[in-house]
Amino acid sequence: MQVILIKDMDNLGAAQEVVNVRPGYARNYLIPHKFAIEASPSNLKIALEKDKVKAKREAVLIGEIAKVTEVLKSSPVKVGAKTGTSGKIFGSVTPIQIARAIREQKGYEIDRKRISIVEEVKELGTYKATIDFGNANIVEVDFEVVGE
């Protein structure tokens, strides 16, 4: 029996995928638990339309990510930190500070949870951070720690 998966299933496939399963498995488990629907002609058309809409949405999203990436890589973001006389900073730079600096200097709101710092920041200088936009879109950006 053919069914269209509604949710990702580990052993069967991804969402919106048409798979063959035994009739009892479909009737007694997949369909009642809303993991799948029967692959009738009308449901296949609906699934095809959802795929088209999803593809368009992803194309727009990738375009926006490319614009943001270009702006972020154009120049390093400057992050201010309090320093001692030797150039060492008090504490360390966190993703929250980087997200705030990106918002203030570049005009883009990026969630702090998506930012990870490559190496620990304890002194003034230029460092790298990675931003994960999801769907394997990871961007490495430079940021410069300056004394306040």
C-alpha atoms as a PDB file:
ATOM      1  CA  MET A   1       0.000   0.000   0.000  1.00  0.00           C
ATOM      2  CA  GLN A   2       1.279   3.468  -0.840  1.00  0.00           C
ATOM      3  CA  VAL A   3       1.121   6.246   1.740  1.00  0.00           C
ATOM      4  CA  ILE A   4       2.338   9.849   1.874  1.00  0.00           C
ATOM      5  CA  LEU A   5       4.341  10.544   5.014  1.00  0.00           C
ATOM      6  CA  ILE A   6       3.290  13.602   6.987  1.00  0.00           C
ATOM      7  CA  LYS A   7       6.213  13.515   9.417  1.00  0.00           C
ATOM      8  CA  ASP A   8       9.787  12.313   9.073  1.00  0.00           C
ATOM      9  CA  MET A   9      10.059   8.646  10.013  1.00  0.00           C
ATOM     10  CA  ASP A  10      13.475   7.139  10.783  1.00  0.00           C
ATOM     11  CA  ASN A  11      13.006   3.829   8.995  1.00  0.00           C
ATOM     12  CA  LEU A  12      10.640   4.938   6.211  1.00  0.00           C
ATOM     13  CA  GLY A  13      11.551   8.349   4.814  1.00  0.00           C
ATOM     14  CA  ALA A  14      11.108  12.090   4.974  1.00  0.00           C
ATOM     15  CA  ALA A  15       7.928  14.134   5.142  1.00  0.00           C
ATOM     16  CA  GLN A  16       5.940  14.487   1.860  1.00  0.00           C
ATOM     17  CA  GLU A  17       7.570  11.314   0.517  1.00  0.00           C
ATOM     18  CA  VAL A  18       5.505   8.509  -1.047  1.00  0.00           C
ATOM     19  CA  VAL A  19       6.483   5.088   0.338  1.00  0.00           C
ATOM     20  CA  ASN A  20       5.233   1.508   0.076  1.00  0.00           C
ATOM     21  CA  VAL A  21       4.281  -0.179   3.348  1.00  0.00           C
ATOM     22  CA  ARG A  22       2.215  -3.195   4.339  1.00  0.00           C
ATOM     23  CA  PRO A  23      -1.519  -2.451   4.505  1.00  0.00           C
ATOM     24  CA  GLY A  24      -1.838  -3.415   8.165  1.00  0.00           C
ATOM     25  CA  TYR A  25       1.039  -1.145   9.192  1.00  0.00           C
ATOM     26  CA  ALA A  26      -0.569   1.762   7.366  1.00  0.00           C
ATOM     27  CA  ARG A  27      -4.124   1.152   8.642  1.00  0.00           C
ATOM     28  CA  ASN A  28      -3.238   0.323  12.235  1.00  0.00           C
ATOM     29  CA  TYR A  29      -0.260   2.563  12.980  1.00  0.00           C
ATOM     30  CA  LEU A  30       0.718   5.236  10.443  1.00  0.00           C
ATOM     31  CA  ILE A  31      -2.691   6.655   9.539  1.00  0.00           C
ATOM     32  CA  PRO A  32      -4.292   6.623  13.054  1.00  0.00           C
ATOM     33  CA  HIS A  33      -1.217   8.286  14.600  1.00  0.00           C
ATOM     34  CA  LYS A  34      -1.223  10.928  11.836  1.00  0.00           C
ATOM     35  CA  PHE A  35       2.212   9.928  10.558  1.00  0.00           C
ATOM     36  CA  ALA A  36       0.880   9.314   7.029  1.00  0.00           C
ATOM     37  CA  ILE A  37      -2.136   9.632   4.753  1.00  0.00           C
ATOM     38  CA  GLU A  38      -3.298   7.323   1.999  1.00  0.00           C
ATOM     39  CA  ALA A  39      -1.751   8.038  -1.404  1.00  0.00           C
ATOM     40  CA  SER A  40      -4.952   8.748  -3.320  1.00  0.00           C
ATOM     41  CA  PRO A  41      -4.798  10.853  -6.521  1.00  0.00           C
ATOM     42  CA  SER A  42      -6.164  13.944  -4.730  1.00  0.00           C
ATOM     43  CA  ASN A  43      -3.702  13.570  -1.844  1.00  0.00           C
ATOM     44  CA  LEU A  44      -0.836  13.150  -4.331  1.00  0.00           C
ATOM     45  CA  LYS A  45      -1.794  16.442  -6.014  1.00  0.00           C
ATOM     46  CA  ILE A  46      -1.896  18.203  -2.658  1.00  0.00           C
ATOM     47  CA  ALA A  47       1.520  16.790  -1.737  1.00  0.00           C
ATOM     48  CA  LEU A  48       2.946  17.928  -5.083  1.00  0.00           C
ATOM     49  CA  GLU A  49       1.639  21.466  -4.515  1.00  0.00           C
ATOM     50  CA  LYS A  50       3.129  21.526  -1.011  1.00  0.00           C
ATOM     51  CA  ASP A  51       6.492  20.497  -2.476  1.00  0.00           C
ATOM     52  CA  LYS A  52       6.342  23.352  -4.989  1.00  0.00           C
ATOM     53  CA  VAL A  53       5.501  25.905  -2.295  1.00  0.00           C
ATOM     54  CA  LYS A  54       8.267  24.563  -0.057  1.00  0.00           C
ATOM     55  CA  ALA A  55      10.804  24.771  -2.908  1.00  0.00           C
ATOM     56  CA  LYS A  56       9.853  28.409  -3.620  1.00  0.00           C
ATOM     57  CA  ARG A  57      10.080  29.307   0.068  1.00  0.00           C
ATOM     58  CA  GLU A  58      13.518  27.700   0.353  1.00  0.00           C
ATOM     59  CA  ALA A  59      14.748  29.535  -2.754  1.00  0.00           C
ATOM     60  CA  VAL A  60      13.685  32.881  -1.263  1.00  0.00           C
ATOM     61  CA  LEU A  61      15.273  31.965   2.064  1.00  0.00           C
ATOM     62  CA  ILE A  62      18.575  31.017   0.409  1.00  0.00           C
ATOM     63  CA  GLY A  63      18.554  34.355  -1.438  1.00  0.00           C
ATOM     64  CA  GLU A  64      18.064  36.240   1.832  1.00  0.00           C
ATOM     65  CA  ILE A  65      20.819  34.239   3.511  1.00  0.00           C
ATOM     66  CA  ALA A  66      23.163  35.122   0.638  1.00  0.00           C
ATOM     67  CA  LYS A  67      22.432  38.844   1.109  1.00  0.00           C
ATOM     68  CA  VAL A  68      23.028  38.676   4.853  1.00  0.00           C
ATOM     69  CA  THR A  69      26.230  36.678   4.321  1.00  0.00           C
ATOM     70  CA  GLU A  70      27.549  39.251   1.870  1.00  0.00           C
ATOM     71  CA  VAL A  71      26.911  42.106   4.311  1.00  0.00           C
ATOM     72  CA  LEU A  72      28.464  40.233   7.243  1.00  0.00           C
ATOM     73  CA  LYS A  73      31.612  39.320   5.302  1.00  0.00           C
ATOM     74  CA  SER A  74      32.116  42.829   3.889  1.00  0.00           C
ATOM     75  CA  SER A  75      33.828  44.096   7.035  1.00  0.00           C
ATOM     76  CA  PRO A  76      34.480  42.730  10.514  1.00  0.00           C
ATOM     77  CA  VAL A  77      32.029  43.517  13.280  1.00  0.00           C
ATOM     78  CA  LYS A  78      33.540  45.530  16.120  1.00  0.00           C
ATOM     79  CA  VAL A  79      32.765  44.249  19.618  1.00  0.00           C
ATOM     80  CA  GLY A  80      33.666  46.473  22.570  1.00  0.00           C
ATOM     81  CA  ALA A  81      35.110  45.005  25.750  1.00  0.00           C
ATOM     82  CA  LYS A  82      36.579  46.444  28.934  1.00  0.00           C
ATOM     83  CA  THR A  83      40.329  45.897  29.087  1.00  0.00           C
ATOM     84  CA  GLY A  84      43.174  46.135  31.522  1.00  0.00           C
ATOM     85  CA  THR A  85      46.440  47.929  30.878  1.00  0.00           C
ATOM     86  CA  SER A  86      48.052  44.888  29.240  1.00  0.00           C
ATOM     87  CA  GLY A  87      45.359  44.465  26.570  1.00  0.00           C
ATOM     88  CA  LYS A  88      43.627  41.520  28.200  1.00  0.00           C
ATOM     89  CA  ILE A  89      39.876  41.837  28.507  1.00  0.00           C
ATOM     90  CA  PHE A  90      37.876  41.300  31.661  1.00  0.00           C
ATOM     91  CA  GLY A  91      35.798  38.143  31.144  1.00  0.00           C
ATOM     92  CA  SER A  92      35.359  37.026  27.551  1.00  0.00           C
ATOM     93  CA  VAL A  93      33.274  37.889  24.507  1.00  0.00           C
ATOM     94  CA  THR A  94      30.000  35.967  24.254  1.00  0.00           C
ATOM     95  CA  PRO A  95      27.587  35.266  21.383  1.00  0.00           C
ATOM     96  CA  ILE A  96      25.160  37.739  22.981  1.00  0.00           C
ATOM     97  CA  GLN A  97      27.678  40.566  22.504  1.00  0.00           C
ATOM     98  CA  ILE A  98      28.318  39.517  18.895  1.00  0.00           C
ATOM     99  CA  ALA A  99      24.567  39.376  18.137  1.00  0.00           C
ATOM    100  CA  ARG A 100      24.109  42.832  19.658  1.00  0.00           C
ATOM    101  CA  ALA A 101      27.037  44.229  17.622  1.00  0.00           C
ATOM    102  CA  ILE A 102      25.643  42.748  14.393  1.00  0.00           C
ATOM    103  CA  ARG A 103      22.239  44.274  15.136  1.00  0.00           C
ATOM    104  CA  GLU A 104      23.718  47.709  15.854  1.00  0.00           C
ATOM    105  CA  GLN A 105      26.334  47.840  13.065  1.00  0.00           C
ATOM    106  CA  LYS A 106      24.840  45.768  10.236  1.00  0.00           C
ATOM    107  CA  GLY A 107      21.116  46.045  10.966  1.00  0.00           C
ATOM    108  CA  TYR A 108      20.346  42.302  11.054  1.00  0.00           C
ATOM    109  CA  GLU A 109      18.751  40.498  13.974  1.00  0.00           C
ATOM    110  CA  ILE A 110      20.513  37.148  14.457  1.00  0.00           C
ATOM    111  CA  ASP A 111      19.606  34.833  17.309  1.00  0.00           C
ATOM    112  CA  ARG A 112      22.485  34.384  19.775  1.00  0.00           C
ATOM    113  CA  LYS A 113      21.889  30.620  19.796  1.00  0.00           C
ATOM    114  CA  ARG A 114      22.913  30.423  16.139  1.00  0.00           C
ATOM    115  CA  ILE A 115      26.300  32.054  16.814  1.00  0.00           C
ATOM    116  CA  SER A 116      29.269  30.052  18.042  1.00  0.00           C
ATOM    117  CA  ILE A 117      32.740  31.411  18.660  1.00  0.00           C
ATOM    118  CA  VAL A 118      35.572  29.344  17.139  1.00  0.00           C
ATOM    119  CA  GLU A 119      38.172  30.057  19.844  1.00  0.00           C
ATOM    120  CA  GLU A 120      38.031  31.581  23.306  1.00  0.00           C
ATOM    121  CA  VAL A 121      38.406  35.355  23.284  1.00  0.00           C
ATOM    122  CA  LYS A 122      40.553  36.765  26.095  1.00  0.00           C
ATOM    123  CA  GLU A 123      42.562  39.519  24.363  1.00  0.00           C
ATOM    124  CA  LEU A 124      42.032  42.330  21.884  1.00  0.00           C
ATOM    125  CA  GLY A 125      42.269  41.329  18.225  1.00  0.00           C
ATOM    126  CA  THR A 126      40.406  39.731  15.325  1.00  0.00           C
ATOM    127  CA  TYR A 127      38.608  36.411  15.780  1.00  0.00           C
ATOM    128  CA  LYS A 128      36.190  34.199  13.884  1.00  0.00           C
ATOM    129  CA  ALA A 129      32.648  33.116  14.703  1.00  0.00           C
ATOM    130  CA  THR A 130      30.276  30.797  12.840  1.00  0.00           C
ATOM    131  CA  ILE A 131      26.601  31.489  12.268  1.00  0.00           C
ATOM    132  CA  ASP A 132      24.333  28.528  11.526  1.00  0.00           C
ATOM    133  CA  PHE A 133      21.296  29.625   9.491  1.00  0.00           C
ATOM    134  CA  GLY A 134      19.981  26.049   9.326  1.00  0.00           C
ATOM    135  CA  ASN A 135      19.761  23.579   6.416  1.00  0.00           C
ATOM    136  CA  ALA A 136      23.562  23.303   6.266  1.00  0.00           C
ATOM    137  CA  ASN A 137      23.975  27.056   5.704  1.00  0.00           C
ATOM    138  CA  ILE A 138      26.915  27.877   7.957  1.00  0.00           C
ATOM    139  CA  VAL A 139      28.761  31.169   7.540  1.00  0.00           C
ATOM    140  CA  GLU A 140      32.077  32.118   9.106  1.00  0.00           C
ATOM    141  CA  VAL A 141      32.360  35.806   9.979  1.00  0.00           C
ATOM    142  CA  ASP A 142      35.172  37.897  11.419  1.00  0.00           C
ATOM    143  CA  PHE A 143      34.762  40.099  14.458  1.00  0.00           C
ATOM    144  CA  GLU A 144      37.227  42.475  16.039  1.00  0.00           C
ATOM    145  CA  VAL A 145      37.471  42.959  19.783  1.00  0.00           C
ATOM    146  CA  VAL A 146      38.295  46.575  20.617  1.00  0.00           C
ATOM    147  CA  GLY A 147      38.873  48.214  23.989  1.00  0.00           C
ATOM    148  CA  GLU A 148      36.280  50.520  25.465  1.00  0.00           C
END
